[in-house]
Amino acid sequence: MSETDWENRVSNLLKAELKRKGITYSQLVEKLAEIGVEEKEANIKNKLSRGKFSAVFLLQSLSAIGCESLRVSDF
């Protein structure tokens, strides 16, 4: 797989978790703020559309939405 394929895979993983929990990007901004992470909705949209974001952002987002486990084999 190319790096772009991996970027798409991780972006789809986070998008799927947001959708599964019924959380919009706007709500993610609020949930991140609750754990002390300041993000703008536009920045989140850009990160997820490009698929380029840090592992720290991924873990912060998953934590903020209450995701306790992931199945990466599905992606």
C-alpha atoms as a PDB file:
ATOM      1  CA  MET A   1       0.000   0.000   0.000  1.00  0.00           C
ATOM      2  CA  SER A   2       1.157   3.518  -0.743  1.00  0.00           C
ATOM      3  CA  GLU A   3       1.392   6.250   1.862  1.00  0.00           C
ATOM      4  CA  THR A   4      -1.735   7.839   0.375  1.00  0.00           C
ATOM      5  CA  ASP A   5      -3.560   4.528   0.856  1.00  0.00           C
ATOM      6  CA  TRP A   6      -2.551   4.520   4.529  1.00  0.00           C
ATOM      7  CA  GLU A   7      -3.637   8.145   4.932  1.00  0.00           C
ATOM      8  CA  ASN A   8      -7.038   7.303   3.436  1.00  0.00           C
ATOM      9  CA  ARG A   9      -7.304   4.272   5.685  1.00  0.00           C
ATOM     10  CA  VAL A  10      -6.680   6.182   8.910  1.00  0.00           C
ATOM     11  CA  SER A  11      -8.983   9.011   7.837  1.00  0.00           C
ATOM     12  CA  ASN A  12     -11.752   6.520   7.058  1.00  0.00           C
ATOM     13  CA  LEU A  13     -11.202   4.850  10.420  1.00  0.00           C
ATOM     14  CA  LEU A  14     -11.790   8.090  12.330  1.00  0.00           C
ATOM     15  CA  LYS A  15     -14.707   9.103  10.106  1.00  0.00           C
ATOM     16  CA  ALA A  16     -16.334   5.711  10.673  1.00  0.00           C
ATOM     17  CA  GLU A  17     -16.026   6.048  14.449  1.00  0.00           C
ATOM     18  CA  LEU A  18     -17.565   9.518  14.321  1.00  0.00           C
ATOM     19  CA  LYS A  19     -20.424   8.241  12.190  1.00  0.00           C
ATOM     20  CA  ARG A  20     -20.927   5.176  14.383  1.00  0.00           C
ATOM     21  CA  LYS A  21     -21.336   7.445  17.400  1.00  0.00           C
ATOM     22  CA  GLY A  22     -23.402  10.037  15.509  1.00  0.00           C
ATOM     23  CA  ILE A  23     -20.885  12.807  16.152  1.00  0.00           C
ATOM     24  CA  THR A  24     -20.486  15.722  13.752  1.00  0.00           C
ATOM     25  CA  TYR A  25     -17.269  17.656  13.233  1.00  0.00           C
ATOM     26  CA  SER A  26     -18.801  20.523  15.198  1.00  0.00           C
ATOM     27  CA  GLN A  27     -19.535  18.198  18.104  1.00  0.00           C
ATOM     28  CA  LEU A  28     -16.010  16.799  17.883  1.00  0.00           C
ATOM     29  CA  VAL A  29     -14.664  20.350  18.303  1.00  0.00           C
ATOM     30  CA  GLU A  30     -16.716  20.654  21.506  1.00  0.00           C
ATOM     31  CA  LYS A  31     -15.666  17.254  22.817  1.00  0.00           C
ATOM     32  CA  LEU A  32     -12.007  17.985  22.122  1.00  0.00           C
ATOM     33  CA  ALA A  33     -12.326  21.306  23.969  1.00  0.00           C
ATOM     34  CA  GLU A  34     -13.677  19.398  26.984  1.00  0.00           C
ATOM     35  CA  ILE A  35     -10.367  17.529  27.195  1.00  0.00           C
ATOM     36  CA  GLY A  36      -8.311  20.693  26.636  1.00  0.00           C
ATOM     37  CA  VAL A  37      -7.663  20.358  22.903  1.00  0.00           C
ATOM     38  CA  GLU A  38      -8.455  23.465  20.875  1.00  0.00           C
ATOM     39  CA  GLU A  39      -9.366  22.788  17.249  1.00  0.00           C
ATOM     40  CA  LYS A  40     -11.498  24.566  14.687  1.00  0.00           C
ATOM     41  CA  GLU A  41     -14.119  22.745  12.670  1.00  0.00           C
ATOM     42  CA  ALA A  42     -12.470  23.840   9.414  1.00  0.00           C
ATOM     43  CA  ASN A  43      -9.137  22.367  10.562  1.00  0.00           C
ATOM     44  CA  ILE A  44     -10.778  19.056  11.400  1.00  0.00           C
ATOM     45  CA  LYS A  45     -12.504  18.927   8.015  1.00  0.00           C
ATOM     46  CA  ASN A  46      -9.179  19.570   6.301  1.00  0.00           C
ATOM     47  CA  LYS A  47      -7.322  16.974   8.352  1.00  0.00           C
ATOM     48  CA  LEU A  48      -9.914  14.302   7.653  1.00  0.00           C
ATOM     49  CA  SER A  49     -10.247  15.116   3.956  1.00  0.00           C
ATOM     50  CA  ARG A  50      -6.459  15.004   3.473  1.00  0.00           C
ATOM     51  CA  GLY A  51      -5.921  12.088   5.821  1.00  0.00           C
ATOM     52  CA  LYS A  52      -2.870  13.840   7.217  1.00  0.00           C
ATOM     53  CA  PHE A  53      -2.916  14.161  10.965  1.00  0.00           C
ATOM     54  CA  SER A  54      -0.824  12.979  13.846  1.00  0.00           C
ATOM     55  CA  ALA A  55      -1.343   9.874  15.908  1.00  0.00           C
ATOM     56  CA  VAL A  56      -1.803  12.263  18.831  1.00  0.00           C
ATOM     57  CA  PHE A  57      -4.791  13.905  17.094  1.00  0.00           C
ATOM     58  CA  LEU A  58      -6.242  10.480  16.302  1.00  0.00           C
ATOM     59  CA  LEU A  59      -5.965   9.355  19.938  1.00  0.00           C
ATOM     60  CA  GLN A  60      -7.275  12.669  21.261  1.00  0.00           C
ATOM     61  CA  SER A  61     -10.290  12.426  18.962  1.00  0.00           C
ATOM     62  CA  LEU A  62     -11.016   8.804  19.809  1.00  0.00           C
ATOM     63  CA  SER A  63     -10.703   9.549  23.505  1.00  0.00           C
ATOM     64  CA  ALA A  64     -12.928  12.626  23.246  1.00  0.00           C
ATOM     65  CA  ILE A  65     -15.734  10.640  21.595  1.00  0.00           C
ATOM     66  CA  GLY A  66     -15.476   7.831  24.122  1.00  0.00           C
ATOM     67  CA  CYS A  67     -14.074   5.198  21.800  1.00  0.00           C
ATOM     68  CA  GLU A  68     -12.618   2.452  23.971  1.00  0.00           C
ATOM     69  CA  SER A  69     -11.584  -0.013  21.269  1.00  0.00           C
ATOM     70  CA  LEU A  70     -10.935  -0.151  17.534  1.00  0.00           C
ATOM     71  CA  ARG A  71     -10.933  -2.860  14.923  1.00  0.00           C
ATOM     72  CA  VAL A  72      -8.307  -1.842  12.424  1.00  0.00           C
ATOM     73  CA  SER A  73      -8.602  -5.037  10.398  1.00  0.00           C
ATOM     74  CA  ASP A  74     -11.870  -3.733   8.902  1.00  0.00           C
ATOM     75  CA  PHE A  75     -10.122  -0.828   7.236  1.00  0.00           C
END
